Amino acid sequence: MLALIFILFLFFLAVAVLFLGATLTLKGYFDETPPDLKETAWRAPAAALAVTLFVILWVRLAYASPDRYDSLFDFSTSRQSPPVKSIWIIEDGGKVEYRLEKDANNRPIYRNRETDRIRELPRKPDKFIIREGDREVVFQPKKDAKGKPIIRTGEGLRYYDEQGRYMEEGYEGIIFTSTGGGFVYFLLNVSHFVVWFLAIWLLLRFTWAQALLLALIAWLSMTLIVMRPLLQRVRTLSEERARSQPQTRLEIKEAAGWREARGQEEGKRSLSESQRWWGS
């Protein structure tokens, strides 16, 4: 996290220097009169601070939800899990397990080897069942009023669980989770451009047409060069935090169980001492 803060500080310095140089160079070229150095000396850092604060906001959002606020190259309205190790379906009134293997082309495939004949996972079963810890999760297709599975145009048959996650025909075993946020992400990118435009127009005192051109160049440079590695670093930090949370919860649970057991032991000891005192 300290490394990320240092990166953001370096970003602020780099943008401030860039604004200072661009203002002193381009303003003199566009307006044929060089800008005042003292005024530019505070306007450039102020504009850089405005841009940096917006980037910090984006980083904060991405740290809390990296899938919803990723870079333009990596953003998606859904995320997918690795294939689960086993899938169960209902056959002849009972659950039959199909385990994850690799075919001749090293592609994932589910097979059942409980009998002499190796069977592959059949197409379009009534439902899929997987295990998450000690809990069974059932994935079933949505159905229309006539009880027929709903298949949207351009999609395979989808099986949904109670949380809205789904598996899709042809991608059995992979759980897709809708992250949403497409419109919010669009507004975030538009706001990113607007911040650059306002900083260059209002703080650096370029004309609106000049600011529009310079903001477009800055936005493209940030989107194509800067934001992707920065947000990948943020994703790494977010995933490290997520991996540490279950362990923390487990430690809390174990501590609570230890306190409960100790309380019961002390209660039994007190009861035993009371009985011994009354008996004497």
Protein backbone atom coordinates (compact mmCIF):
# COMPACT_ATOMS: atom_id res chain seq x y z
CA MET A 1 0.00 0.00 0.00
CA LEU A 2 2.87 2.39 0.76
CA ALA A 3 4.28 1.69 -2.69
CA LEU A 4 0.93 2.64 -4.23
CA ILE A 5 0.84 5.90 -2.27
CA PHE A 6 4.36 6.67 -3.45
CA ILE A 7 3.33 5.96 -7.06
CA LEU A 8 0.40 8.37 -6.76
CA PHE A 9 2.72 11.02 -5.31
CA LEU A 10 5.12 10.55 -8.24
CA PHE A 11 2.14 10.80 -10.58
CA PHE A 12 1.19 14.15 -9.04
CA LEU A 13 4.75 15.46 -9.46
CA ALA A 14 4.96 14.25 -13.05
CA VAL A 15 1.64 15.84 -14.01
CA ALA A 16 2.58 19.10 -12.26
CA VAL A 17 5.87 19.27 -14.18
CA LEU A 18 4.07 18.36 -17.41
CA PHE A 19 1.47 21.08 -16.88
CA LEU A 20 4.15 23.63 -16.03
CA GLY A 21 6.20 22.83 -19.12
CA ALA A 22 3.19 22.62 -21.43
CA THR A 23 1.81 25.94 -20.18
CA LEU A 24 5.11 27.80 -20.55
CA THR A 25 5.69 26.29 -23.99
CA LEU A 26 2.27 26.07 -25.62
CA LYS A 27 0.74 29.25 -24.19
CA GLY A 28 3.59 31.24 -25.65
CA TYR A 29 3.09 29.45 -28.98
CA PHE A 30 -0.71 29.80 -29.09
CA ASP A 31 -0.98 33.32 -27.66
CA GLU A 32 2.37 34.67 -28.85
CA THR A 33 2.94 36.05 -25.34
CA PRO A 34 4.61 33.96 -22.63
CA PRO A 35 2.50 33.37 -19.48
CA ASP A 36 3.41 34.81 -16.11
CA LEU A 37 5.85 32.42 -14.44
CA LYS A 38 4.68 33.15 -10.86
CA GLU A 39 1.05 32.54 -11.73
CA THR A 40 1.85 29.37 -13.66
CA ALA A 41 3.95 28.13 -10.72
CA TRP A 42 0.82 27.65 -8.60
CA ARG A 43 -1.72 26.93 -11.35
CA ALA A 44 0.17 23.90 -12.68
CA PRO A 45 0.34 22.10 -9.27
CA ALA A 46 -3.32 23.01 -8.61
CA ALA A 47 -4.39 21.46 -11.93
CA ALA A 48 -2.21 18.41 -11.24
CA LEU A 49 -3.79 18.06 -7.80
CA ALA A 50 -7.29 18.08 -9.32
CA VAL A 51 -6.35 15.29 -11.72
CA THR A 52 -4.54 13.31 -9.00
CA LEU A 53 -7.54 13.51 -6.66
CA PHE A 54 -9.75 12.04 -9.36
CA VAL A 55 -7.23 9.23 -9.96
CA ILE A 56 -7.16 8.57 -6.20
CA LEU A 57 -10.97 8.30 -6.25
CA TRP A 58 -10.78 5.77 -9.10
CA VAL A 59 -8.07 3.81 -7.24
CA ARG A 60 -10.23 3.76 -4.10
CA LEU A 61 -13.22 2.44 -6.04
CA ALA A 62 -11.06 -0.18 -7.78
CA TYR A 63 -9.57 -1.31 -4.47
CA ALA A 64 -13.06 -1.97 -3.10
CA SER A 65 -14.36 -3.58 -6.31
CA PRO A 66 -11.62 -4.24 -8.90
CA ASP A 67 -13.93 -5.95 -11.40
CA ARG A 68 -16.30 -2.98 -11.63
CA TYR A 69 -13.64 -0.28 -11.96
CA ASP A 70 -10.87 -1.93 -13.96
CA SER A 71 -8.98 -0.36 -16.86
CA LEU A 72 -10.70 0.04 -20.21
CA PHE A 73 -8.80 -2.99 -21.57
CA ASP A 74 -9.79 -5.32 -18.73
CA PHE A 75 -13.26 -4.07 -17.79
CA SER A 76 -16.13 -6.52 -18.11
CA THR A 77 -19.69 -6.57 -16.83
CA SER A 78 -19.12 -10.12 -15.56
CA ARG A 79 -16.32 -12.17 -14.03
CA GLN A 80 -15.74 -15.90 -14.18
CA SER A 81 -14.32 -18.46 -11.80
CA PRO A 82 -11.93 -21.31 -12.63
CA PRO A 83 -13.77 -24.56 -13.48
CA VAL A 84 -15.06 -26.33 -10.39
CA LYS A 85 -13.50 -29.72 -9.65
CA SER A 86 -16.77 -31.69 -9.63
CA ILE A 87 -20.31 -31.32 -10.94
CA TRP A 88 -23.28 -33.46 -9.97
CA ILE A 89 -26.40 -34.00 -12.07
CA ILE A 90 -29.54 -36.05 -11.44
CA GLU A 91 -29.67 -39.34 -13.31
CA ASP A 92 -32.19 -42.12 -12.63
CA GLY A 93 -33.31 -40.36 -9.46
CA GLY A 94 -29.83 -40.07 -7.95
CA LYS A 95 -26.88 -37.68 -8.01
CA VAL A 96 -24.03 -38.64 -10.30
CA GLU A 97 -20.63 -36.97 -10.01
CA TYR A 98 -18.63 -35.80 -13.01
CA ARG A 99 -15.04 -34.78 -12.30
CA LEU A 100 -12.90 -32.23 -14.09
CA GLU A 101 -10.27 -33.69 -16.45
CA LYS A 102 -8.39 -32.61 -19.58
CA ASP A 103 -9.11 -33.97 -23.03
CA ALA A 104 -6.54 -34.73 -25.75
CA ASN A 105 -6.33 -31.02 -26.62
CA ASN A 106 -5.78 -30.05 -22.97
CA ARG A 107 -9.26 -28.54 -22.72
CA PRO A 108 -11.34 -28.99 -19.55
CA ILE A 109 -13.96 -31.71 -19.69
CA TYR A 110 -16.12 -33.45 -17.08
CA ARG A 111 -16.23 -37.25 -17.00
CA ASN A 112 -17.71 -39.97 -14.84
CA ARG A 113 -15.50 -43.02 -14.21
CA GLU A 114 -17.64 -44.82 -11.63
CA THR A 115 -18.61 -47.51 -14.13
CA ASP A 116 -16.67 -49.55 -16.65
CA ARG A 117 -17.72 -47.10 -19.38
CA ILE A 118 -16.29 -43.58 -19.16
CA ARG A 119 -19.09 -41.07 -19.67
CA GLU A 120 -18.85 -37.38 -20.48
CA LEU A 121 -21.17 -34.79 -19.02
CA PRO A 122 -24.43 -34.92 -20.99
CA ARG A 123 -25.79 -31.83 -22.74
CA LYS A 124 -28.56 -29.78 -21.17
CA PRO A 125 -29.32 -31.68 -17.96
CA ASP A 126 -32.18 -30.48 -15.79
CA LYS A 127 -29.80 -28.86 -13.30
CA PHE A 128 -26.23 -28.75 -12.05
CA ILE A 129 -25.15 -29.21 -8.44
CA ILE A 130 -21.79 -28.14 -7.05
CA ARG A 131 -20.30 -27.98 -3.55
CA GLU A 132 -19.01 -24.81 -1.95
CA GLY A 133 -17.57 -25.83 1.37
CA ASP A 134 -20.25 -27.83 3.20
CA ARG A 135 -23.06 -26.32 1.13
CA GLU A 136 -24.67 -27.64 -2.03
CA VAL A 137 -25.45 -25.04 -4.69
CA VAL A 138 -28.03 -25.80 -7.37
CA PHE A 139 -27.98 -24.18 -10.81
CA GLN A 140 -31.23 -24.40 -12.81
CA PRO A 141 -32.39 -22.75 -16.05
CA LYS A 142 -35.05 -20.07 -16.00
CA LYS A 143 -38.29 -21.21 -17.59
CA ASP A 144 -41.16 -19.54 -19.40
CA ALA A 145 -44.86 -19.84 -18.61
CA LYS A 146 -45.00 -23.18 -20.43
CA GLY A 147 -42.15 -24.60 -18.40
CA LYS A 148 -39.61 -24.53 -21.22
CA PRO A 149 -36.06 -23.30 -20.54
CA ILE A 150 -35.43 -19.73 -21.70
CA ILE A 151 -32.59 -19.40 -24.22
CA ARG A 152 -31.72 -15.88 -25.35
CA THR A 153 -30.57 -15.14 -28.87
CA GLY A 154 -26.80 -15.49 -29.24
CA GLU A 155 -26.43 -17.29 -25.90
CA GLY A 156 -26.39 -20.88 -24.75
CA LEU A 157 -28.73 -22.25 -22.13
CA ARG A 158 -27.91 -20.63 -18.80
CA TYR A 159 -28.29 -22.22 -15.37
CA TYR A 160 -28.73 -19.82 -12.42
CA ASP A 161 -28.29 -20.23 -8.68
CA GLU A 162 -30.13 -18.29 -5.96
CA GLN A 163 -27.50 -15.51 -5.99
CA GLY A 164 -27.94 -14.82 -9.71
CA ARG A 165 -24.66 -16.46 -10.73
CA TYR A 166 -24.85 -18.70 -13.77
CA MET A 167 -23.23 -21.45 -15.82
CA GLU A 168 -23.67 -21.42 -19.57
CA GLU A 169 -24.03 -24.29 -21.98
CA GLY A 170 -20.63 -25.02 -23.46
CA TYR A 171 -18.88 -23.56 -20.40
CA GLU A 172 -20.12 -26.00 -17.77
CA GLY A 173 -18.26 -25.75 -14.47
CA ILE A 174 -17.34 -22.09 -14.94
CA ILE A 175 -19.39 -19.77 -12.74
CA PHE A 176 -20.12 -16.33 -14.17
CA THR A 177 -20.99 -13.50 -11.81
CA SER A 178 -22.53 -10.32 -13.16
CA THR A 179 -20.69 -7.26 -11.85
CA GLY A 180 -22.95 -4.72 -13.57
CA GLY A 181 -21.85 -1.12 -13.45
CA GLY A 182 -21.56 -0.59 -17.20
CA PHE A 183 -23.27 2.80 -17.12
CA VAL A 184 -21.39 3.86 -13.99
CA TYR A 185 -18.12 2.86 -15.63
CA PHE A 186 -19.02 4.91 -18.71
CA LEU A 187 -19.68 7.95 -16.50
CA LEU A 188 -16.37 7.37 -14.72
CA ASN A 189 -14.46 7.52 -18.01
CA VAL A 190 -16.38 10.59 -19.16
CA SER A 191 -15.64 12.25 -15.81
CA HIS A 192 -11.98 11.38 -16.26
CA PHE A 193 -11.92 13.32 -19.53
CA VAL A 194 -13.92 16.21 -18.04
CA VAL A 195 -11.46 16.58 -15.15
CA TRP A 196 -8.57 16.94 -17.58
CA PHE A 197 -10.55 19.42 -19.67
CA LEU A 198 -11.57 21.60 -16.72
CA ALA A 199 -8.07 21.55 -15.22
CA ILE A 200 -6.52 22.69 -18.49
CA TRP A 201 -9.26 25.20 -19.34
CA LEU A 202 -10.01 26.82 -15.98
CA LEU A 203 -6.73 26.45 -14.09
CA LEU A 204 -4.14 26.63 -16.85
CA ARG A 205 -6.15 29.26 -18.75
CA PHE A 206 -6.07 27.68 -22.20
CA THR A 207 -9.00 28.43 -24.52
CA TRP A 208 -11.78 25.86 -24.48
CA ALA A 209 -10.80 24.59 -27.95
CA GLN A 210 -7.14 24.24 -26.94
CA ALA A 211 -8.18 22.60 -23.65
CA LEU A 212 -10.42 20.17 -25.52
CA LEU A 213 -7.56 19.03 -27.74
CA LEU A 214 -5.03 18.78 -24.91
CA ALA A 215 -7.54 16.97 -22.66
CA LEU A 216 -8.22 14.41 -25.39
CA ILE A 217 -4.47 13.73 -25.74
CA ALA A 218 -4.07 13.47 -21.95
CA TRP A 219 -7.10 11.19 -21.56
CA LEU A 220 -5.91 8.83 -24.29
CA SER A 221 -2.40 8.72 -22.83
CA MET A 222 -3.74 7.96 -19.37
CA THR A 223 -6.13 5.30 -20.64
CA LEU A 224 -3.63 3.56 -22.92
CA ILE A 225 -0.44 3.86 -20.86
CA VAL A 226 -0.97 4.76 -17.20
CA MET A 227 -4.28 3.43 -15.88
CA ARG A 228 -3.88 -0.23 -16.81
CA PRO A 229 -0.66 -0.98 -14.86
CA LEU A 230 -1.84 1.25 -12.01
CA LEU A 231 -5.17 -0.57 -11.68
CA GLN A 232 -3.46 -3.96 -12.03
CA ARG A 233 -1.38 -3.03 -8.99
CA VAL A 234 -4.58 -2.03 -7.18
CA ARG A 235 -6.18 -5.36 -8.10
CA THR A 236 -3.20 -7.24 -6.66
CA LEU A 237 -3.54 -5.35 -3.37
CA SER A 238 -7.29 -5.96 -3.29
CA GLU A 239 -6.84 -9.70 -3.88
CA GLU A 240 -4.20 -9.88 -1.14
CA ARG A 241 -6.65 -8.21 1.24
CA ALA A 242 -9.42 -10.63 0.21
CA ARG A 243 -7.18 -13.64 0.85
CA SER A 244 -6.30 -12.38 4.31
CA GLN A 245 -9.92 -11.75 5.37
CA PRO A 246 -11.08 -15.41 5.62
CA GLN A 247 -8.04 -16.19 7.78
CA THR A 248 -8.88 -13.23 10.01
CA ARG A 249 -12.48 -14.36 10.33
CA LEU A 250 -11.31 -17.88 11.17
CA GLU A 251 -8.99 -16.55 13.85
CA ILE A 252 -11.86 -14.51 15.30
CA LYS A 253 -14.12 -17.56 15.26
CA GLU A 254 -11.49 -19.71 16.96
CA ALA A 255 -10.90 -17.02 19.58
CA ALA A 256 -14.63 -16.80 20.22
CA GLY A 257 -14.84 -20.58 20.57
CA TRP A 258 -11.89 -20.58 22.98
CA ARG A 259 -13.56 -17.89 25.12
CA GLU A 260 -16.84 -19.82 25.11
CA ALA A 261 -15.09 -23.07 26.11
CA ARG A 262 -13.17 -21.28 28.86
CA GLY A 263 -16.39 -19.73 30.16
CA GLN A 264 -18.07 -23.14 30.30
CA GLU A 265 -15.07 -24.62 32.10
CA GLU A 266 -15.06 -21.82 34.68
CA GLY A 267 -18.82 -22.27 35.15
CA LYS A 268 -18.39 -25.99 35.84
CA ARG A 269 -15.56 -25.27 38.27
CA SER A 270 -17.70 -22.74 40.17
CA LEU A 271 -20.61 -25.18 40.32
CA SER A 272 -18.31 -27.93 41.59
CA GLU A 273 -16.89 -25.66 44.30
CA SER A 274 -20.41 -24.62 45.36
CA GLN A 275 -21.54 -28.21 45.64
CA ARG A 276 -18.44 -29.11 47.65
CA TRP A 277 -19.00 -26.14 49.98
CA TRP A 278 -22.66 -27.07 50.64
CA GLY A 279 -21.70 -30.68 51.08
CA SER A 280 -19.22 -29.76 53.80
